[in-house]
Amino acid sequence: MKLVRRFKSLAPADRPQDQSFDGTTLRFEVIEHGGEYDDAMPQAIKVTDTQDRSCIYVPLSQEGQVVDSRASAVADED
């Protein structure tokens, strides 16, 4: 069994904010590389704003494997 720590969602005011709405006021930092394949794909990216608020984005994974979220998308039927 794998224990996963769940965190409460951040309120919008606590999330990194981009005042210009084009990403120019945000800093991006690659935390780690690697994963299932031998490539340079980032496995964690830290985003920080001008007020030093930050969050870390990681790919979705299930049982240690990265999940392709596009593959699980359901097509709209009219």
N, C-alpha and C. Protein backbone atom coordinates (compact mmCIF):
# COMPACT_ATOMS: atom_id res chain seq x y z
N MET A 1 0.84 -1.17 0.00
CA MET A 1 0.00 0.00 0.00
C MET A 1 0.89 1.24 0.00
N LYS A 2 0.50 2.22 -0.78
CA LYS A 2 1.25 3.47 -0.87
C LYS A 2 0.43 4.58 -0.20
N LEU A 3 1.03 5.26 0.75
CA LEU A 3 0.36 6.37 1.40
C LEU A 3 0.60 7.65 0.63
N VAL A 4 -0.44 8.39 0.40
CA VAL A 4 -0.35 9.64 -0.35
C VAL A 4 -0.84 10.76 0.55
N ARG A 5 -0.05 11.78 0.68
CA ARG A 5 -0.45 12.93 1.49
C ARG A 5 -1.28 13.88 0.63
N ARG A 6 -2.45 14.17 1.07
CA ARG A 6 -3.35 15.07 0.35
C ARG A 6 -3.33 16.42 1.04
N PHE A 7 -3.27 17.48 0.25
CA PHE A 7 -3.26 18.84 0.77
C PHE A 7 -4.55 19.54 0.38
N LYS A 8 -5.00 20.44 1.23
CA LYS A 8 -6.16 21.26 0.93
C LYS A 8 -5.80 22.19 -0.23
N SER A 9 -6.74 22.43 -1.12
CA SER A 9 -6.50 23.34 -2.25
C SER A 9 -6.19 24.74 -1.75
N LEU A 10 -5.29 25.41 -2.45
CA LEU A 10 -4.95 26.79 -2.10
C LEU A 10 -6.07 27.73 -2.53
N ALA A 11 -6.34 28.70 -1.69
CA ALA A 11 -7.28 29.75 -2.07
C ALA A 11 -6.67 30.55 -3.21
N PRO A 12 -7.46 31.11 -4.11
CA PRO A 12 -6.91 31.87 -5.23
C PRO A 12 -5.92 32.96 -4.79
N ALA A 13 -6.16 33.61 -3.66
CA ALA A 13 -5.26 34.67 -3.20
C ALA A 13 -3.91 34.13 -2.75
N ASP A 14 -3.83 32.83 -2.43
CA ASP A 14 -2.58 32.22 -1.97
C ASP A 14 -1.77 31.61 -3.10
N ARG A 15 -2.37 31.49 -4.26
CA ARG A 15 -1.68 30.89 -5.41
C ARG A 15 -0.78 31.92 -6.07
N PRO A 16 0.29 31.46 -6.75
CA PRO A 16 1.10 32.41 -7.51
C PRO A 16 0.24 33.18 -8.50
N GLN A 17 0.46 34.49 -8.59
CA GLN A 17 -0.33 35.35 -9.45
C GLN A 17 0.56 35.96 -10.54
N ASP A 18 0.03 36.07 -11.72
CA ASP A 18 0.73 36.67 -12.85
C ASP A 18 0.03 37.99 -13.18
N GLN A 19 0.59 39.10 -12.69
CA GLN A 19 -0.07 40.39 -12.85
C GLN A 19 -0.24 40.79 -14.30
N SER A 20 0.66 40.37 -15.17
CA SER A 20 0.60 40.77 -16.57
C SER A 20 -0.22 39.80 -17.43
N PHE A 21 -0.61 38.65 -16.86
CA PHE A 21 -1.38 37.62 -17.56
C PHE A 21 -0.66 37.05 -18.79
N ASP A 22 0.68 37.18 -18.82
CA ASP A 22 1.41 36.59 -19.95
C ASP A 22 2.64 35.79 -19.49
N GLY A 23 2.77 35.59 -18.17
CA GLY A 23 3.87 34.79 -17.64
C GLY A 23 5.15 35.53 -17.38
N THR A 24 5.24 36.81 -17.74
CA THR A 24 6.49 37.54 -17.59
C THR A 24 6.84 37.85 -16.14
N THR A 25 5.86 37.83 -15.24
CA THR A 25 6.15 38.12 -13.83
C THR A 25 6.36 36.85 -13.01
N LEU A 26 6.34 35.69 -13.66
CA LEU A 26 6.55 34.43 -12.97
C LEU A 26 7.95 33.90 -13.21
N ARG A 27 8.49 33.19 -12.21
CA ARG A 27 9.78 32.49 -12.36
C ARG A 27 9.49 31.00 -12.39
N PHE A 28 10.12 30.30 -13.31
CA PHE A 28 9.96 28.87 -13.46
C PHE A 28 11.28 28.19 -13.15
N GLU A 29 11.24 27.14 -12.34
CA GLU A 29 12.45 26.41 -11.96
C GLU A 29 12.17 24.92 -12.09
N VAL A 30 13.02 24.21 -12.82
CA VAL A 30 12.88 22.76 -12.95
C VAL A 30 13.47 22.13 -11.69
N ILE A 31 12.66 21.32 -11.01
CA ILE A 31 13.10 20.69 -9.76
C ILE A 31 13.81 19.38 -10.02
N GLU A 32 13.26 18.54 -10.88
CA GLU A 32 13.90 17.26 -11.18
C GLU A 32 13.58 16.81 -12.60
N HIS A 33 14.48 16.00 -13.13
CA HIS A 33 14.30 15.41 -14.46
C HIS A 33 14.22 13.90 -14.30
N GLY A 34 13.92 13.24 -15.38
CA GLY A 34 13.95 11.79 -15.35
C GLY A 34 12.60 11.20 -15.61
N GLY A 35 12.28 10.17 -14.84
CA GLY A 35 11.01 9.49 -15.02
C GLY A 35 11.19 8.17 -15.71
N GLU A 36 10.15 7.72 -16.34
CA GLU A 36 10.12 6.40 -16.95
C GLU A 36 11.06 6.29 -18.15
N TYR A 37 11.24 7.37 -18.90
CA TYR A 37 12.04 7.34 -20.13
C TYR A 37 13.32 8.12 -19.94
N ASP A 38 14.35 7.73 -20.71
CA ASP A 38 15.64 8.39 -20.66
C ASP A 38 15.59 9.64 -21.54
N ASP A 39 15.06 10.72 -20.97
CA ASP A 39 14.99 11.97 -21.72
C ASP A 39 15.15 13.14 -20.75
N ALA A 40 15.02 14.32 -21.23
CA ALA A 40 15.22 15.50 -20.40
C ALA A 40 13.89 16.14 -19.97
N MET A 41 12.82 15.35 -19.96
CA MET A 41 11.50 15.87 -19.60
C MET A 41 11.46 16.21 -18.11
N PRO A 42 11.08 17.45 -17.77
CA PRO A 42 10.98 17.80 -16.35
C PRO A 42 9.90 16.98 -15.65
N GLN A 43 10.17 16.54 -14.44
CA GLN A 43 9.19 15.80 -13.66
C GLN A 43 8.58 16.64 -12.54
N ALA A 44 9.13 17.83 -12.32
CA ALA A 44 8.56 18.76 -11.36
C ALA A 44 9.02 20.17 -11.73
N ILE A 45 8.08 21.11 -11.73
CA ILE A 45 8.38 22.50 -12.06
C ILE A 45 7.83 23.39 -10.96
N LYS A 46 8.68 24.25 -10.42
CA LYS A 46 8.27 25.19 -9.37
C LYS A 46 8.00 26.55 -10.01
N VAL A 47 6.84 27.12 -9.72
CA VAL A 47 6.44 28.43 -10.24
C VAL A 47 6.37 29.39 -9.06
N THR A 48 7.05 30.54 -9.18
CA THR A 48 7.09 31.54 -8.11
C THR A 48 6.71 32.89 -8.69
N ASP A 49 5.92 33.66 -7.92
CA ASP A 49 5.51 34.99 -8.38
C ASP A 49 6.34 36.07 -7.69
N THR A 50 6.02 37.34 -7.97
CA THR A 50 6.81 38.46 -7.44
C THR A 50 6.68 38.62 -5.93
N GLN A 51 5.63 38.05 -5.33
CA GLN A 51 5.46 38.12 -3.88
C GLN A 51 6.00 36.86 -3.19
N ASP A 52 6.76 36.06 -3.91
CA ASP A 52 7.41 34.85 -3.42
C ASP A 52 6.44 33.72 -3.06
N ARG A 53 5.22 33.75 -3.59
CA ARG A 53 4.31 32.63 -3.45
C ARG A 53 4.70 31.62 -4.50
N SER A 54 4.65 30.34 -4.16
CA SER A 54 5.07 29.33 -5.13
C SER A 54 4.23 28.07 -5.01
N CYS A 55 4.28 27.28 -6.06
CA CYS A 55 3.68 25.95 -6.06
C CYS A 55 4.52 25.07 -6.99
N ILE A 56 4.38 23.78 -6.80
CA ILE A 56 5.14 22.82 -7.60
C ILE A 56 4.16 21.98 -8.41
N TYR A 57 4.38 21.92 -9.70
CA TYR A 57 3.56 21.13 -10.60
C TYR A 57 4.30 19.84 -10.93
N VAL A 58 3.61 18.72 -10.81
CA VAL A 58 4.17 17.41 -11.14
C VAL A 58 3.20 16.70 -12.09
N PRO A 59 3.69 15.78 -12.92
CA PRO A 59 2.78 15.07 -13.81
C PRO A 59 1.88 14.11 -13.02
N LEU A 60 0.69 13.87 -13.54
CA LEU A 60 -0.21 12.89 -12.93
C LEU A 60 0.43 11.52 -13.03
N SER A 61 0.33 10.75 -11.96
CA SER A 61 0.87 9.39 -12.02
C SER A 61 -0.06 8.45 -11.27
N GLN A 62 0.01 7.19 -11.66
CA GLN A 62 -0.76 6.14 -11.03
C GLN A 62 0.13 4.92 -10.92
N GLU A 63 0.30 4.43 -9.71
CA GLU A 63 1.16 3.28 -9.44
C GLU A 63 2.57 3.50 -9.99
N GLY A 64 3.09 4.71 -9.85
CA GLY A 64 4.44 5.02 -10.27
C GLY A 64 4.63 5.31 -11.74
N GLN A 65 3.57 5.22 -12.53
CA GLN A 65 3.65 5.48 -13.97
C GLN A 65 2.96 6.79 -14.29
N VAL A 66 3.59 7.61 -15.13
CA VAL A 66 2.98 8.87 -15.54
C VAL A 66 1.77 8.57 -16.40
N VAL A 67 0.66 9.27 -16.13
CA VAL A 67 -0.59 9.06 -16.83
C VAL A 67 -0.73 10.09 -17.94
N ASP A 68 -1.06 9.61 -19.14
CA ASP A 68 -1.33 10.51 -20.26
C ASP A 68 -2.79 10.93 -20.15
N SER A 69 -3.03 12.13 -19.62
CA SER A 69 -4.40 12.56 -19.37
C SER A 69 -5.20 12.72 -20.67
N ARG A 70 -4.52 12.96 -21.77
CA ARG A 70 -5.23 13.09 -23.05
C ARG A 70 -5.80 11.76 -23.48
N ALA A 71 -5.13 10.67 -23.14
CA ALA A 71 -5.59 9.34 -23.54
C ALA A 71 -6.87 8.95 -22.81
N SER A 72 -7.11 9.55 -21.65
CA SER A 72 -8.30 9.18 -20.89
C SER A 72 -9.44 10.16 -21.10
N ALA A 73 -9.26 11.13 -21.99
CA ALA A 73 -10.32 12.10 -22.26
C ALA A 73 -11.46 11.42 -23.00
N VAL A 74 -12.66 11.80 -22.66
CA VAL A 74 -13.84 11.24 -23.32
C VAL A 74 -14.30 12.22 -24.39
N ALA A 75 -14.52 11.72 -25.58
CA ALA A 75 -14.97 12.57 -26.68
C ALA A 75 -16.43 12.97 -26.46
N ASP A 76 -16.73 14.22 -26.75
CA ASP A 76 -18.12 14.70 -26.65
C ASP A 76 -18.94 14.11 -27.78
N GLU A 77 -20.11 13.65 -27.43
CA GLU A 77 -21.01 13.13 -28.45
C GLU A 77 -22.21 14.06 -28.55
N ASP A 78 -22.51 14.51 -29.75
CA ASP A 78 -23.64 15.43 -29.94
C ASP A 78 -24.95 14.71 -29.99
